[in-house]
Amino acid sequence: MLPPAKSMDDMRTVVTNSTVDGVLSATLALLIADAPVPSRRESGPRQGFRCF
């Protein structure tokens, strides 16, 4: 918990840090959501893999 900002420069720093934190968090969430998730329906070998 941060104490109240004592000056406008302190307030700008808090706002900038919060904005950067929010943008980075949203970017990470989008990257995780876009990651391929293996399907449970795939019971056989993956495409390109030859099973002898």
PDB file of N, CA and C in Angstrom:
ATOM      1  N   MET A   1       0.843  -1.170   0.000  1.00  0.00           N
ATOM      2  CA  MET A   1       0.000   0.000   0.000  1.00  0.00           C
ATOM      3  C   MET A   1       0.895   1.242   0.000  1.00  0.00           C
ATOM      4  N   LEU A   2       0.611   2.135  -0.901  1.00  0.00           N
ATOM      5  CA  LEU A   2       1.392   3.363  -1.002  1.00  0.00           C
ATOM      6  C   LEU A   2       0.717   4.492  -0.245  1.00  0.00           C
ATOM      7  N   PRO A   3       1.531   5.309   0.410  1.00  0.00           N
ATOM      8  CA  PRO A   3       0.936   6.494   1.040  1.00  0.00           C
ATOM      9  C   PRO A   3       0.508   7.476  -0.047  1.00  0.00           C
ATOM     10  N   PRO A   4      -0.305   8.461   0.295  1.00  0.00           N
ATOM     11  CA  PRO A   4      -0.722   9.446  -0.703  1.00  0.00           C
ATOM     12  C   PRO A   4       0.491  10.157  -1.318  1.00  0.00           C
ATOM     13  N   ALA A   5       0.387  10.472  -2.593  1.00  0.00           N
ATOM     14  CA  ALA A   5       1.480  11.165  -3.294  1.00  0.00           C
ATOM     15  C   ALA A   5       1.661  12.562  -2.699  1.00  0.00           C
ATOM     16  N   LYS A   6       2.893  12.930  -2.501  1.00  0.00           N
ATOM     17  CA  LYS A   6       3.187  14.245  -1.905  1.00  0.00           C
ATOM     18  C   LYS A   6       3.291  15.345  -2.956  1.00  0.00           C
ATOM     19  N   SER A   7       3.515  14.943  -4.212  1.00  0.00           N
ATOM     20  CA  SER A   7       3.641  15.950  -5.267  1.00  0.00           C
ATOM     21  C   SER A   7       3.044  15.403  -6.563  1.00  0.00           C
ATOM     22  N   MET A   8       2.905  16.293  -7.547  1.00  0.00           N
ATOM     23  CA  MET A   8       2.382  15.863  -8.854  1.00  0.00           C
ATOM     24  C   MET A   8       3.339  14.894  -9.537  1.00  0.00           C
ATOM     25  N   ASP A   9       4.637  15.063  -9.329  1.00  0.00           N
ATOM     26  CA  ASP A   9       5.610  14.138  -9.925  1.00  0.00           C
ATOM     27  C   ASP A   9       5.433  12.727  -9.362  1.00  0.00           C
ATOM     28  N   ASP A  10       5.192  12.642  -8.054  1.00  0.00           N
ATOM     29  CA  ASP A  10       4.936  11.334  -7.448  1.00  0.00           C
ATOM     30  C   ASP A  10       3.666  10.717  -8.027  1.00  0.00           C
ATOM     31  N   MET A  11       2.643  11.526  -8.220  1.00  0.00           N
ATOM     32  CA  MET A  11       1.381  11.026  -8.762  1.00  0.00           C
ATOM     33  C   MET A  11       1.562  10.554 -10.195  1.00  0.00           C
ATOM     34  N   ARG A  12       2.315  11.302 -10.999  1.00  0.00           N
ATOM     35  CA  ARG A  12       2.582  10.878 -12.379  1.00  0.00           C
ATOM     36  C   ARG A  12       3.324   9.542 -12.406  1.00  0.00           C
ATOM     37  N   THR A  13       4.274   9.388 -11.485  1.00  0.00           N
ATOM     38  CA  THR A  13       5.024   8.133 -11.412  1.00  0.00           C
ATOM     39  C   THR A  13       4.098   6.969 -11.081  1.00  0.00           C
ATOM     40  N   VAL A  14       3.197   7.164 -10.139  1.00  0.00           N
ATOM     41  CA  VAL A  14       2.252   6.114  -9.758  1.00  0.00           C
ATOM     42  C   VAL A  14       1.349   5.762 -10.944  1.00  0.00           C
ATOM     43  N   VAL A  15       0.839   6.773 -11.624  1.00  0.00           N
ATOM     44  CA  VAL A  15      -0.051   6.534 -12.773  1.00  0.00           C
ATOM     45  C   VAL A  15       0.699   5.826 -13.894  1.00  0.00           C
ATOM     46  N   THR A  16       1.927   6.263 -14.177  1.00  0.00           N
ATOM     47  CA  THR A  16       2.721   5.623 -15.227  1.00  0.00           C
ATOM     48  C   THR A  16       3.011   4.168 -14.882  1.00  0.00           C
ATOM     49  N   ASN A  17       3.421   3.901 -13.653  1.00  0.00           N
ATOM     50  CA  ASN A  17       3.707   2.530 -13.246  1.00  0.00           C
ATOM     51  C   ASN A  17       2.457   1.662 -13.318  1.00  0.00           C
ATOM     52  N   SER A  18       1.331   2.193 -12.919  1.00  0.00           N
ATOM     53  CA  SER A  18       0.080   1.431 -12.982  1.00  0.00           C
ATOM     54  C   SER A  18      -0.307   1.134 -14.426  1.00  0.00           C
ATOM     55  N   THR A  19      -0.108   2.104 -15.302  1.00  0.00           N
ATOM     56  CA  THR A  19      -0.438   1.909 -16.715  1.00  0.00           C
ATOM     57  C   THR A  19       0.464   0.852 -17.342  1.00  0.00           C
ATOM     58  N   VAL A  20       1.753   0.947 -17.087  1.00  0.00           N
ATOM     59  CA  VAL A  20       2.696  -0.034 -17.629  1.00  0.00           C
ATOM     60  C   VAL A  20       2.365  -1.423 -17.083  1.00  0.00           C
ATOM     61  N   ASP A  21       2.075  -1.524 -15.808  1.00  0.00           N
ATOM     62  CA  ASP A  21       1.725  -2.802 -15.202  1.00  0.00           C
ATOM     63  C   ASP A  21       0.469  -3.389 -15.843  1.00  0.00           C
ATOM     64  N   GLY A  22      -0.524  -2.556 -16.089  1.00  0.00           N
ATOM     65  CA  GLY A  22      -1.757  -3.036 -16.717  1.00  0.00           C
ATOM     66  C   GLY A  22      -1.539  -3.511 -18.138  1.00  0.00           C
ATOM     67  N   VAL A  23      -0.749  -2.765 -18.906  1.00  0.00           N
ATOM     68  CA  VAL A  23      -0.481  -3.154 -20.301  1.00  0.00           C
ATOM     69  C   VAL A  23       0.303  -4.459 -20.352  1.00  0.00           C
ATOM     70  N   LEU A  24       1.321  -4.593 -19.512  1.00  0.00           N
ATOM     71  CA  LEU A  24       2.103  -5.826 -19.496  1.00  0.00           C
ATOM     72  C   LEU A  24       1.269  -7.016 -19.032  1.00  0.00           C
ATOM     73  N   SER A  25       0.401  -6.814 -18.065  1.00  0.00           N
ATOM     74  CA  SER A  25      -0.471  -7.895 -17.594  1.00  0.00           C
ATOM     75  C   SER A  25      -1.439  -8.335 -18.688  1.00  0.00           C
ATOM     76  N   ALA A  26      -2.010  -7.375 -19.406  1.00  0.00           N
ATOM     77  CA  ALA A  26      -2.929  -7.714 -20.492  1.00  0.00           C
ATOM     78  C   ALA A  26      -2.196  -8.437 -21.621  1.00  0.00           C
ATOM     79  N   THR A  27      -0.980  -8.001 -21.935  1.00  0.00           N
ATOM     80  CA  THR A  27      -0.197  -8.663 -22.975  1.00  0.00           C
ATOM     81  C   THR A  27       0.117 -10.101 -22.580  1.00  0.00           C
ATOM     82  N   LEU A  28       0.513 -10.318 -21.350  1.00  0.00           N
ATOM     83  CA  LEU A  28       0.801 -11.670 -20.881  1.00  0.00           C
ATOM     84  C   LEU A  28      -0.454 -12.534 -20.924  1.00  0.00           C
ATOM     85  N   ALA A  29      -1.588 -11.986 -20.524  1.00  0.00           N
ATOM     86  CA  ALA A  29      -2.839 -12.746 -20.557  1.00  0.00           C
ATOM     87  C   ALA A  29      -3.197 -13.142 -21.985  1.00  0.00           C
ATOM     88  N   LEU A  30      -2.996 -12.238 -22.940  1.00  0.00           N
ATOM     89  CA  LEU A  30      -3.283 -12.570 -24.340  1.00  0.00           C
ATOM     90  C   LEU A  30      -2.330 -13.630 -24.865  1.00  0.00           C
ATOM     91  N   LEU A  31      -1.061 -13.560 -24.479  1.00  0.00           N
ATOM     92  CA  LEU A  31      -0.103 -14.576 -24.920  1.00  0.00           C
ATOM     93  C   LEU A  31      -0.442 -15.945 -24.348  1.00  0.00           C
ATOM     94  N   ILE A  32      -0.860 -15.981 -23.095  1.00  0.00           N
ATOM     95  CA  ILE A  32      -1.230 -17.252 -22.480  1.00  0.00           C
ATOM     96  C   ILE A  32      -2.502 -17.793 -23.109  1.00  0.00           C
ATOM     97  N   ALA A  33      -3.477 -16.924 -23.377  1.00  0.00           N
ATOM     98  CA  ALA A  33      -4.741 -17.363 -23.970  1.00  0.00           C
ATOM     99  C   ALA A  33      -4.541 -17.856 -25.395  1.00  0.00           C
ATOM    100  N   ASP A  34      -3.517 -17.346 -26.086  1.00  0.00           N
ATOM    101  CA  ASP A  34      -3.268 -17.721 -27.475  1.00  0.00           C
ATOM    102  C   ASP A  34      -2.399 -18.965 -27.585  1.00  0.00           C
ATOM    103  N   ALA A  35      -1.844 -19.442 -26.478  1.00  0.00           N
ATOM    104  CA  ALA A  35      -0.972 -20.617 -26.509  1.00  0.00           C
ATOM    105  C   ALA A  35      -1.777 -21.853 -26.911  1.00  0.00           C
ATOM    106  N   PRO A  36      -1.183 -22.702 -27.734  1.00  0.00           N
ATOM    107  CA  PRO A  36      -1.906 -23.914 -28.149  1.00  0.00           C
ATOM    108  C   PRO A  36      -2.113 -24.864 -26.971  1.00  0.00           C
ATOM    109  N   VAL A  37      -3.309 -25.380 -26.879  1.00  0.00           N
ATOM    110  CA  VAL A  37      -3.645 -26.328 -25.828  1.00  0.00           C
ATOM    111  C   VAL A  37      -3.934 -27.663 -26.493  1.00  0.00           C
ATOM    112  N   PRO A  38      -3.220 -28.712 -26.100  1.00  0.00           N
ATOM    113  CA  PRO A  38      -3.478 -30.011 -26.727  1.00  0.00           C
ATOM    114  C   PRO A  38      -4.908 -30.485 -26.440  1.00  0.00           C
ATOM    115  N   SER A  39      -5.533 -31.011 -27.454  1.00  0.00           N
ATOM    116  CA  SER A  39      -6.903 -31.483 -27.312  1.00  0.00           C
ATOM    117  C   SER A  39      -6.917 -32.873 -26.697  1.00  0.00           C
ATOM    118  N   ARG A  40      -7.929 -33.141 -25.903  1.00  0.00           N
ATOM    119  CA  ARG A  40      -8.052 -34.482 -25.325  1.00  0.00           C
ATOM    120  C   ARG A  40      -8.522 -35.498 -26.360  1.00  0.00           C
ATOM    121  N   ARG A  41      -9.087 -35.020 -27.469  1.00  0.00           N
ATOM    122  CA  ARG A  41      -9.560 -35.932 -28.507  1.00  0.00           C
ATOM    123  C   ARG A  41      -8.410 -36.554 -29.287  1.00  0.00           C
ATOM    124  N   GLU A  42      -7.248 -35.963 -29.229  1.00  0.00           N
ATOM    125  CA  GLU A  42      -6.106 -36.505 -29.954  1.00  0.00           C
ATOM    126  C   GLU A  42      -5.572 -37.718 -29.201  1.00  0.00           C
ATOM    127  N   SER A  43      -5.995 -38.900 -29.625  1.00  0.00           N
ATOM    128  CA  SER A  43      -5.527 -40.086 -28.937  1.00  0.00           C
ATOM    129  C   SER A  43      -4.392 -40.761 -29.700  1.00  0.00           C
ATOM    130  N   GLY A  44      -4.295 -40.488 -31.000  1.00  0.00           N
ATOM    131  CA  GLY A  44      -3.261 -41.106 -31.816  1.00  0.00           C
ATOM    132  C   GLY A  44      -2.002 -40.277 -31.836  1.00  0.00           C
ATOM    133  N   PRO A  45      -1.011 -40.757 -32.605  1.00  0.00           N
ATOM    134  CA  PRO A  45       0.230 -39.988 -32.714  1.00  0.00           C
ATOM    135  C   PRO A  45       0.000 -38.661 -33.421  1.00  0.00           C
ATOM    136  N   ARG A  46       0.827 -37.714 -33.123  1.00  0.00           N
ATOM    137  CA  ARG A  46       0.693 -36.410 -33.754  1.00  0.00           C
ATOM    138  C   ARG A  46       1.089 -36.498 -35.215  1.00  0.00           C
ATOM    139  N   GLN A  47       0.561 -35.563 -35.972  1.00  0.00           N
ATOM    140  CA  GLN A  47       0.844 -35.522 -37.387  1.00  0.00           C
ATOM    141  C   GLN A  47       2.346 -35.323 -37.605  1.00  0.00           C
ATOM    142  N   GLY A  48       2.919 -36.083 -38.526  1.00  0.00           N
ATOM    143  CA  GLY A  48       4.334 -35.988 -38.803  1.00  0.00           C
ATOM    144  C   GLY A  48       5.159 -36.969 -37.982  1.00  0.00           C
ATOM    145  N   PHE A  49       4.532 -37.663 -37.046  1.00  0.00           N
ATOM    146  CA  PHE A  49       5.235 -38.647 -36.229  1.00  0.00           C
ATOM    147  C   PHE A  49       4.838 -40.028 -36.707  1.00  0.00           C
ATOM    148  N   ARG A  50       5.815 -40.818 -37.081  1.00  0.00           N
ATOM    149  CA  ARG A  50       5.523 -42.162 -37.588  1.00  0.00           C
ATOM    150  C   ARG A  50       5.750 -43.190 -36.481  1.00  0.00           C
ATOM    151  N   CYS A  51       4.745 -43.953 -36.216  1.00  0.00           N
ATOM    152  CA  CYS A  51       4.821 -44.990 -35.184  1.00  0.00           C
ATOM    153  C   CYS A  51       5.039 -46.336 -35.868  1.00  0.00           C
ATOM    154  N   PHE A  52       6.128 -47.026 -35.514  1.00  0.00           N
ATOM    155  CA  PHE A  52       6.442 -48.323 -36.146  1.00  0.00           C
ATOM    156  C   PHE A  52       6.012 -49.446 -35.262  1.00  0.00           C
TER     157      PHE A  52
END
